[in-house]
């Protein structure tokens, strides 16, 4: 213990040792990501932006929390998908392109979202070992700016979640008559927003995630890369909340037409790549209208 260099070396390799020790009983990937410190900066940013939501997230496996960290990581790929290709940790000659992420993973494979997150964070272009510790610090400005974007996404998700039924009905729809919606609302007594846990009126029909996530993915259209003080970052083109207030009703008018093609089944909607692409295009068109109007 008096050998400072030896202790530091041990800490740097501690988690690799744990992985070898547990080759038959693997640690959950979320535990590994937490152990490496890949959630640290995101958690810090989230606490600075919204302490309530940060407290509701289970950052560490089995610590308890109304929101699984995987749900937040799934949303984080909306900005992270725009990050430049990076070197692989195990083989720096190989390149990982974050655009390999498939938008349907947000609904159909939260585990794959986390797996790709770990792969991105472990890149030597993204993180480096902390001084005197076995965790890693994020050094990539595009990733850091993506985390900043991510801190806002839970609030925007809750915003759409609480209004989805009204937006659908306002476009000549009857949301409450959809079988999956009836089933969800019949078994949900205390209706609350998923991330913030804010109460929703009992007479408002809440929506399955499969209906919301493809629409929510459209927010990526509001992001851009730009140079700030010589560094490339990812940032909002326009205020997302103001944009949603102005355009979401019209976007819903186009988006709801996809439901019939998917038999009004949220699982089919959530797994249909075309639903994500259509939503993204609708957001782009609305953004273009704003630019022309200026």
Protein backbone atom coordinates (compact mmCIF):
# COMPACT_ATOMS: atom_id res chain seq x y z
CA UNK A 1 0.00 0.00 0.00
CA UNK A 2 3.03 2.28 0.39
CA UNK A 3 3.97 1.77 -3.25
CA UNK A 4 2.14 4.70 -4.84
CA UNK A 5 2.95 3.68 -8.40
CA UNK A 6 1.87 0.11 -7.71
CA UNK A 7 -1.46 1.19 -6.21
CA UNK A 8 -2.15 3.50 -9.14
CA UNK A 9 -1.33 0.73 -11.61
CA UNK A 10 -3.66 -1.66 -9.77
CA UNK A 11 -6.51 0.84 -9.80
CA UNK A 12 -6.03 1.48 -13.51
CA UNK A 13 -6.50 -2.23 -14.20
CA UNK A 14 -8.97 -3.02 -11.41
CA UNK A 15 -11.99 -3.44 -13.61
CA UNK A 16 -10.16 -5.67 -16.10
CA UNK A 17 -9.24 -7.87 -13.12
CA UNK A 18 -12.88 -7.93 -12.00
CA UNK A 19 -13.99 -8.97 -15.49
CA UNK A 20 -11.55 -11.89 -15.49
CA UNK A 21 -12.66 -12.87 -11.98
CA UNK A 22 -16.29 -12.90 -13.10
CA UNK A 23 -15.94 -14.68 -16.42
CA UNK A 24 -18.86 -17.00 -15.56
CA UNK A 25 -21.03 -14.39 -13.82
CA UNK A 26 -20.61 -11.25 -15.90
CA UNK A 27 -21.37 -7.88 -14.39
CA UNK A 28 -24.26 -6.10 -16.02
CA UNK A 29 -23.09 -3.77 -18.72
CA UNK A 30 -24.62 -0.78 -16.93
CA UNK A 31 -22.50 -1.64 -13.88
CA UNK A 32 -19.39 -1.79 -16.05
CA UNK A 33 -20.18 1.56 -17.66
CA UNK A 34 -20.79 3.11 -14.23
CA UNK A 35 -17.61 1.57 -12.83
CA UNK A 36 -15.57 3.11 -15.63
CA UNK A 37 -17.03 6.51 -14.85
CA UNK A 38 -18.72 6.98 -18.22
CA UNK A 39 -21.92 8.22 -16.56
CA UNK A 40 -20.14 10.68 -14.25
CA UNK A 41 -20.09 13.77 -16.44
CA UNK A 42 -23.59 13.15 -17.77
CA UNK A 43 -24.90 12.75 -14.22
CA UNK A 44 -23.15 15.94 -13.11
CA UNK A 45 -24.63 17.89 -16.02
CA UNK A 46 -28.07 16.42 -15.35
CA UNK A 47 -27.91 17.44 -11.69
CA UNK A 48 -26.93 20.98 -12.65
CA UNK A 49 -29.81 21.20 -15.13
CA UNK A 50 -32.58 19.27 -13.37
CA UNK A 51 -31.94 17.83 -9.91
CA UNK A 52 -35.37 16.18 -9.72
CA UNK A 53 -34.90 14.05 -12.82
CA UNK A 54 -31.28 13.29 -11.89
CA UNK A 55 -32.45 11.94 -8.51
CA UNK A 56 -35.00 9.67 -10.21
CA UNK A 57 -32.40 7.96 -12.41
CA UNK A 58 -30.77 4.71 -11.31
CA UNK A 59 -27.20 5.62 -12.24
CA UNK A 60 -25.76 2.59 -10.44
CA UNK A 61 -27.23 -0.90 -10.77
CA UNK A 62 -29.50 -1.87 -7.84
CA UNK A 63 -29.26 1.59 -6.27
CA UNK A 64 -32.96 2.10 -6.95
CA UNK A 65 -34.62 4.69 -9.11
CA UNK A 66 -37.86 5.21 -10.98
CA UNK A 67 -35.95 5.69 -14.25
CA UNK A 68 -33.42 3.21 -15.58
CA UNK A 69 -30.23 4.82 -16.83
CA UNK A 70 -30.68 2.81 -20.04
CA UNK A 71 -33.75 4.91 -20.86
CA UNK A 72 -31.68 8.09 -20.69
CA UNK A 73 -28.84 6.56 -22.70
CA UNK A 74 -31.32 5.58 -25.42
CA UNK A 75 -32.33 9.23 -25.76
CA UNK A 76 -28.69 10.36 -25.66
CA UNK A 77 -28.12 8.75 -29.04
CA UNK A 78 -30.16 11.48 -30.71
CA UNK A 79 -27.14 13.84 -30.41
CA UNK A 80 -24.45 11.14 -30.06
CA UNK A 81 -25.31 9.78 -33.50
CA UNK A 82 -23.81 13.00 -34.90
CA UNK A 83 -20.41 12.55 -33.22
CA UNK A 84 -17.45 12.07 -35.55
CA UNK A 85 -16.00 8.55 -36.02
CA UNK A 86 -13.55 7.52 -33.31
CA UNK A 87 -10.87 4.89 -32.80
CA UNK A 88 -11.81 1.61 -31.16
CA UNK A 89 -10.40 1.05 -27.68
CA UNK A 90 -9.28 -2.54 -28.24
CA UNK A 91 -7.88 -1.90 -31.72
CA UNK A 92 -7.08 1.77 -32.45
CA UNK A 93 -6.62 0.88 -36.13
CA UNK A 94 -10.35 0.16 -36.32
CA UNK A 95 -12.87 2.98 -36.48
CA UNK A 96 -16.29 3.15 -34.85
CA UNK A 97 -18.77 5.45 -36.56
CA UNK A 98 -21.62 6.47 -34.19
CA UNK A 99 -23.90 6.73 -37.24
CA UNK A 100 -23.90 2.91 -37.17
CA UNK A 101 -26.45 3.31 -34.37
CA UNK A 102 -29.93 2.43 -35.62
CA UNK A 103 -32.70 4.72 -34.43
CA UNK A 104 -35.02 1.76 -33.82
CA UNK A 105 -32.70 0.64 -31.00
CA UNK A 106 -34.19 3.46 -28.91
CA UNK A 107 -37.34 1.36 -28.62
CA UNK A 108 -36.41 -2.22 -29.47
CA UNK A 109 -32.99 -2.63 -27.84
CA UNK A 110 -32.03 -0.46 -24.87
CA UNK A 111 -29.24 -2.97 -24.21
CA UNK A 112 -27.76 -2.31 -27.64
CA UNK A 113 -27.96 1.44 -26.95
CA UNK A 114 -25.90 0.90 -23.81
CA UNK A 115 -23.47 -1.46 -25.55
CA UNK A 116 -22.75 1.09 -28.28
CA UNK A 117 -22.50 3.83 -25.64
CA UNK A 118 -19.79 1.85 -23.82
CA UNK A 119 -18.01 1.27 -27.13
CA UNK A 120 -18.05 4.98 -27.93
CA UNK A 121 -17.04 6.12 -24.43
CA UNK A 122 -14.12 3.68 -24.24
CA UNK A 123 -12.48 5.13 -27.35
CA UNK A 124 -9.13 6.85 -26.68
CA UNK A 125 -10.56 9.74 -28.72
CA UNK A 126 -13.39 10.12 -26.20
CA UNK A 127 -12.02 9.29 -22.74
CA UNK A 128 -8.78 8.96 -20.82
CA UNK A 129 -7.85 7.55 -17.44
CA UNK A 130 -8.37 9.81 -14.47
CA UNK A 131 -5.34 10.78 -12.44
CA UNK A 132 -4.85 8.32 -9.59
CA UNK A 133 -8.12 6.50 -10.25
CA UNK A 134 -9.52 3.63 -12.32
CA UNK A 135 -12.34 5.71 -13.80
CA UNK A 136 -12.07 7.71 -17.02
CA UNK A 137 -12.68 11.34 -17.89
CA UNK A 138 -14.51 12.44 -21.04
CA UNK A 139 -12.18 14.52 -23.24
CA UNK A 140 -14.19 14.74 -26.47
CA UNK A 141 -15.95 18.09 -26.97
CA UNK A 142 -18.61 16.65 -29.30
CA UNK A 143 -19.53 14.04 -26.69
CA UNK A 144 -19.57 16.64 -23.90
CA UNK A 145 -21.87 18.88 -25.93
CA UNK A 146 -24.06 15.84 -26.69
CA UNK A 147 -24.38 15.26 -22.94
CA UNK A 148 -25.49 18.86 -22.53
CA UNK A 149 -28.18 18.27 -25.17
CA UNK A 150 -29.17 15.04 -23.40
CA UNK A 151 -29.90 16.83 -20.12
CA UNK A 152 -32.80 18.62 -21.84
CA UNK A 153 -34.25 15.57 -23.62
CA UNK A 154 -36.11 14.02 -20.63
CA UNK A 155 -38.06 17.26 -20.13
CA UNK A 156 -38.93 17.39 -23.84
CA UNK A 157 -39.98 13.74 -23.75
CA UNK A 158 -42.28 14.41 -20.80
CA UNK A 159 -43.66 17.46 -22.60
CA UNK A 160 -44.67 15.38 -25.63
CA UNK A 161 -45.83 12.45 -23.47
CA UNK A 162 -48.32 14.59 -21.54
CA UNK A 163 -49.73 16.17 -24.72
CA UNK A 164 -49.60 13.31 -27.19
CA UNK A 165 -53.28 12.36 -26.91
CA UNK A 166 -54.51 15.94 -27.33
CA UNK A 167 -52.23 16.45 -30.33
CA UNK A 168 -53.49 13.24 -31.90
CA UNK A 169 -57.15 14.07 -31.27
CA UNK A 170 -56.62 17.61 -32.53
CA UNK A 171 -55.73 16.14 -35.92
CA UNK A 172 -59.04 14.33 -36.48
CA UNK A 173 -58.01 11.32 -34.44
CA UNK A 174 -59.55 9.27 -31.65
CA UNK A 175 -56.59 8.27 -29.54
CA UNK A 176 -58.57 6.64 -26.75
CA UNK A 177 -60.13 4.14 -29.13
CA UNK A 178 -56.78 2.56 -30.04
CA UNK A 179 -56.60 -0.90 -28.44
CA UNK A 180 -53.06 -0.53 -27.05
CA UNK A 181 -53.96 2.85 -25.58
CA UNK A 182 -57.05 1.47 -23.88
CA UNK A 183 -55.05 -1.40 -22.42
CA UNK A 184 -52.29 0.86 -21.09
CA UNK A 185 -54.64 3.39 -19.53
CA UNK A 186 -56.92 0.78 -17.95
CA UNK A 187 -54.01 -0.60 -15.93
CA UNK A 188 -52.38 2.77 -15.16
CA UNK A 189 -54.09 4.42 -12.18
CA UNK A 190 -51.63 7.15 -11.23
CA UNK A 191 -50.59 8.75 -14.49
CA UNK A 192 -47.24 10.52 -14.37
CA UNK A 193 -44.64 11.73 -16.81
CA UNK A 194 -41.92 9.05 -17.27
CA UNK A 195 -38.83 11.08 -16.35
CA UNK A 196 -40.03 13.89 -14.09
CA UNK A 197 -42.81 11.92 -12.39
CA UNK A 198 -45.20 14.86 -12.70
CA UNK A 199 -48.93 13.99 -12.36
CA UNK A 200 -51.07 13.87 -15.51
CA UNK A 201 -54.81 14.42 -15.38
CA UNK A 202 -56.66 11.13 -14.97
CA UNK A 203 -58.89 11.83 -17.99
CA UNK A 204 -55.89 12.21 -20.33
CA UNK A 205 -54.89 9.08 -22.22
CA UNK A 206 -51.17 8.38 -21.97
CA UNK A 207 -49.26 6.83 -24.84
CA UNK A 208 -47.11 3.69 -25.23
CA UNK A 209 -43.43 4.47 -25.84
CA UNK A 210 -43.63 2.85 -29.26
CA UNK A 211 -45.87 5.66 -30.46
CA UNK A 212 -43.75 8.47 -29.00
CA UNK A 213 -40.13 7.49 -29.66
CA UNK A 214 -40.14 7.72 -33.48
CA UNK A 215 -41.74 11.18 -33.25
CA UNK A 216 -39.29 12.22 -30.54
CA UNK A 217 -36.36 11.16 -32.72
CA UNK A 218 -37.34 13.98 -35.07
CA UNK A 219 -35.66 16.40 -32.63
CA UNK A 220 -32.36 15.41 -34.21
CA UNK A 221 -33.32 17.71 -37.10
CA UNK A 222 -32.90 20.64 -34.69
CA UNK A 223 -29.23 19.83 -34.02
CA UNK A 224 -26.14 21.02 -35.86
CA UNK A 225 -22.36 20.93 -35.61
CA UNK A 226 -20.61 24.24 -35.24
CA UNK A 227 -17.24 25.70 -34.27
CA UNK A 228 -17.00 27.49 -30.93
CA UNK A 229 -13.59 28.82 -29.86
CA UNK A 230 -11.94 26.48 -32.33
CA UNK A 231 -13.78 23.40 -31.02
CA UNK A 232 -16.46 21.43 -32.84
CA UNK A 233 -19.60 20.96 -30.75
CA UNK A 234 -23.17 19.79 -31.27
CA UNK A 235 -25.82 22.37 -30.44
CA UNK A 236 -29.45 23.31 -31.04
CA UNK A 237 -30.25 25.19 -34.24
CA UNK A 238 -33.27 26.67 -32.51
CA UNK A 239 -34.93 26.50 -29.10
CA UNK A 240 -36.57 23.04 -29.09
CA UNK A 241 -39.39 23.98 -26.72
CA UNK A 242 -40.43 27.00 -28.79
CA UNK A 243 -40.20 24.87 -31.93
CA UNK A 244 -42.46 22.17 -30.45
CA UNK A 245 -45.00 24.73 -29.29
CA UNK A 246 -45.18 26.10 -32.80
CA UNK A 247 -44.95 23.03 -35.02
CA UNK A 248 -45.74 19.83 -33.12
CA UNK A 249 -49.47 19.85 -33.89
CA UNK A 250 -48.87 20.03 -37.65
CA UNK A 251 -46.12 17.41 -37.44
CA UNK A 252 -48.51 15.11 -35.57
CA UNK A 253 -51.01 15.50 -38.43
CA UNK A 254 -48.51 13.81 -40.75
CA UNK A 255 -47.07 11.40 -38.22
CA UNK A 256 -50.38 9.85 -37.10
CA UNK A 257 -51.02 8.67 -40.65
CA UNK A 258 -48.29 6.06 -40.13
CA UNK A 259 -50.29 4.35 -37.37
CA UNK A 260 -52.78 2.80 -39.79
CA UNK A 261 -49.91 1.31 -41.81
CA UNK A 262 -48.68 -0.33 -38.60
CA UNK A 263 -52.14 -1.61 -37.55
CA UNK A 264 -52.19 0.92 -34.67
CA UNK A 265 -49.69 -1.35 -32.90
CA UNK A 266 -47.10 0.62 -30.87
CA UNK A 267 -44.59 -2.23 -31.16
CA UNK A 268 -44.76 -2.09 -34.94
CA UNK A 269 -44.51 1.70 -34.94
CA UNK A 270 -41.56 1.65 -32.53
CA UNK A 271 -39.71 -0.93 -34.62
CA UNK A 272 -40.43 0.64 -38.03
CA UNK A 273 -37.41 2.53 -39.34
CA UNK A 274 -39.64 4.45 -41.75
CA UNK A 275 -41.60 6.00 -38.87
CA UNK A 276 -38.39 7.53 -37.49
CA UNK A 277 -37.30 8.78 -40.91
CA UNK A 278 -40.71 10.31 -41.65
CA UNK A 279 -40.73 12.12 -38.30
CA UNK A 280 -37.20 13.39 -38.90
CA UNK A 281 -38.19 14.70 -42.34
CA UNK A 282 -41.28 16.41 -40.89
CA UNK A 283 -39.11 18.23 -38.35
CA UNK A 284 -36.67 19.25 -41.11
CA UNK A 285 -39.50 20.62 -43.25
CA UNK A 286 -40.90 22.64 -40.34
CA UNK A 287 -37.43 24.02 -39.59
CA UNK A 288 -37.01 24.97 -43.24
CA UNK A 289 -40.34 26.85 -43.13
CA UNK A 290 -39.05 28.85 -40.17
CA UNK A 291 -35.87 29.75 -42.06
CA UNK A 292 -37.84 30.84 -45.14
CA UNK A 293 -40.19 32.90 -42.97
CA UNK A 294 -37.22 34.85 -41.62
